[in-house]
Protein backbone atom coordinates (compact mmCIF):
# COMPACT_ATOMS: atom_id res chain seq x y z
CA UNK A 1 0.00 0.00 0.00
CA UNK A 2 1.40 3.29 -0.98
CA UNK A 3 1.36 6.46 1.04
CA UNK A 4 -1.03 7.99 -1.49
CA UNK A 5 -3.53 5.09 -1.20
CA UNK A 6 -3.30 5.13 2.61
CA UNK A 7 -3.98 8.86 2.58
CA UNK A 8 -6.99 8.39 0.28
CA UNK A 9 -8.40 5.62 2.51
CA UNK A 10 -7.85 7.76 5.60
CA UNK A 11 -9.71 10.77 4.17
CA UNK A 12 -12.50 8.53 2.84
CA UNK A 13 -12.98 7.07 6.33
CA UNK A 14 -12.89 10.53 7.89
CA UNK A 15 -15.49 11.77 5.40
CA UNK A 16 -17.69 8.70 6.04
CA UNK A 17 -17.46 9.12 9.82
CA UNK A 18 -18.21 12.84 9.51
CA UNK A 19 -21.24 12.22 7.29
CA UNK A 20 -22.48 9.48 9.62
CA UNK A 21 -22.06 11.73 12.65
CA UNK A 22 -23.94 14.52 10.90
CA UNK A 23 -26.83 12.17 10.07
CA UNK A 24 -26.94 10.88 13.65
CA UNK A 25 -26.99 14.40 15.08
CA UNK A 26 -29.77 15.44 12.69
CA UNK A 27 -31.82 12.33 13.50
CA UNK A 28 -31.41 12.86 17.24
CA UNK A 29 -32.37 16.50 16.84
CA UNK A 30 -35.59 15.58 15.05
CA UNK A 31 -36.34 12.92 17.66
CA UNK A 32 -35.88 15.41 20.49
CA UNK A 33 -38.04 17.97 18.66
CA UNK A 34 -40.77 15.40 18.09
CA UNK A 35 -40.63 14.36 21.74
CA UNK A 36 -40.96 17.98 22.88
CA UNK A 37 -43.94 18.56 20.59
CA UNK A 38 -45.64 15.40 21.88
CA UNK A 39 -44.96 16.48 25.45
CA UNK A 40 -46.50 19.91 24.79
CA UNK A 41 -49.55 18.36 23.16
CA UNK A 42 -49.97 15.95 26.06
CA UNK A 43 -49.61 18.80 28.53
CA UNK A 44 -52.18 20.83 26.62
CA UNK A 45 -54.68 18.00 26.72
CA UNK A 46 -54.05 17.46 30.43
CA UNK A 47 -54.32 21.16 31.17
CA UNK A 48 -57.99 20.95 30.43
CA UNK A 49 -58.62 21.04 34.13
CA UNK A 50 -61.21 18.99 35.88
CA UNK A 51 -64.39 20.74 36.96
CA UNK A 52 -63.99 22.64 40.20
CA UNK A 53 -67.43 21.77 41.59
CA UNK A 54 -69.84 18.85 41.41
CA UNK A 55 -73.47 19.27 42.47
CA UNK A 56 -75.21 16.06 43.46
CA UNK A 57 -77.77 14.74 45.90
CA UNK A 58 -76.56 14.09 49.41
CA UNK A 59 -78.90 13.15 52.23
CA UNK A 60 -82.01 14.24 50.35
CA UNK A 61 -80.56 17.66 49.59
CA UNK A 62 -78.55 19.15 46.77
CA UNK A 63 -74.93 19.53 47.83
CA UNK A 64 -71.91 21.12 46.22
CA UNK A 65 -68.67 19.18 46.42
CA UNK A 66 -65.28 20.58 45.56
CA UNK A 67 -63.27 18.57 43.07
CA UNK A 68 -62.41 15.19 44.58
CA UNK A 69 -63.74 15.85 48.10
CA UNK A 70 -66.29 13.63 49.82
CA UNK A 71 -67.50 16.21 52.35
CA UNK A 72 -70.01 18.74 50.98
CA UNK A 73 -68.63 22.22 50.46
CA UNK A 74 -72.07 23.82 50.38
CA UNK A 75 -75.64 22.62 50.88
CA UNK A 76 -78.26 24.14 48.58
CA UNK A 77 -81.74 24.59 50.01
CA UNK A 78 -83.73 23.28 47.07
CA UNK A 79 -86.79 21.08 47.38
CA UNK A 80 -85.84 18.09 45.25
CA UNK A 81 -89.49 16.99 44.97
CA UNK A 82 -90.24 20.14 42.97
CA UNK A 83 -87.52 19.41 40.44
CA UNK A 84 -88.28 17.73 37.13
CA UNK A 85 -87.42 14.05 36.66
CA UNK A 86 -84.66 15.03 34.25
CA UNK A 87 -83.10 17.46 36.75
CA UNK A 88 -83.24 14.88 39.56
CA UNK A 89 -81.62 12.28 37.30
CA UNK A 90 -78.86 14.73 36.35
CA UNK A 91 -78.40 15.64 40.00
CA UNK A 92 -78.02 11.97 40.94
CA UNK A 93 -75.32 11.60 38.24
CA UNK A 94 -73.64 14.82 39.27
CA UNK A 95 -73.66 18.21 37.60
CA UNK A 96 -70.14 19.43 36.91
CA UNK A 97 -69.37 23.15 37.11
CA UNK A 98 -66.11 24.72 36.01
CA UNK A 99 -65.86 27.77 38.28
CA UNK A 100 -67.53 29.99 40.88
CA UNK A 101 -69.46 31.93 38.26
CA UNK A 102 -71.10 28.77 36.91
CA UNK A 103 -71.88 27.65 40.47
CA UNK A 104 -73.57 30.97 41.30
CA UNK A 105 -75.55 30.85 38.05
CA UNK A 106 -76.65 27.27 38.77
CA UNK A 107 -77.79 28.17 42.31
CA UNK A 108 -79.71 31.19 41.00
CA UNK A 109 -81.39 29.07 38.30
CA UNK A 110 -82.39 26.37 40.76
CA UNK A 111 -83.70 28.75 43.39
CA UNK A 112 -85.89 30.76 41.01
């Protein structure tokens, strides 16, 4: 093997390793980017927060429960016998309210 051939082989290997490294770095970069995008999308779907309040029947009365709690946050003085069958059925399933404003509106609607 001559010096010239050895030199040519050496530079060919260096070029091949450089090209391979470049491809690996680009592939890893795309993978990281894709992972970040998926993480953001997952976070966005999770950020749809759970309802803050649930109104359901408790002990023959309508009660407001904060998200995940078993003890009533507020008892609503509504005569359940005067409610329609649909409303009583919905109340037994639980009526989910997103915030204080929706809770106040619900209480006003039920008490009028």
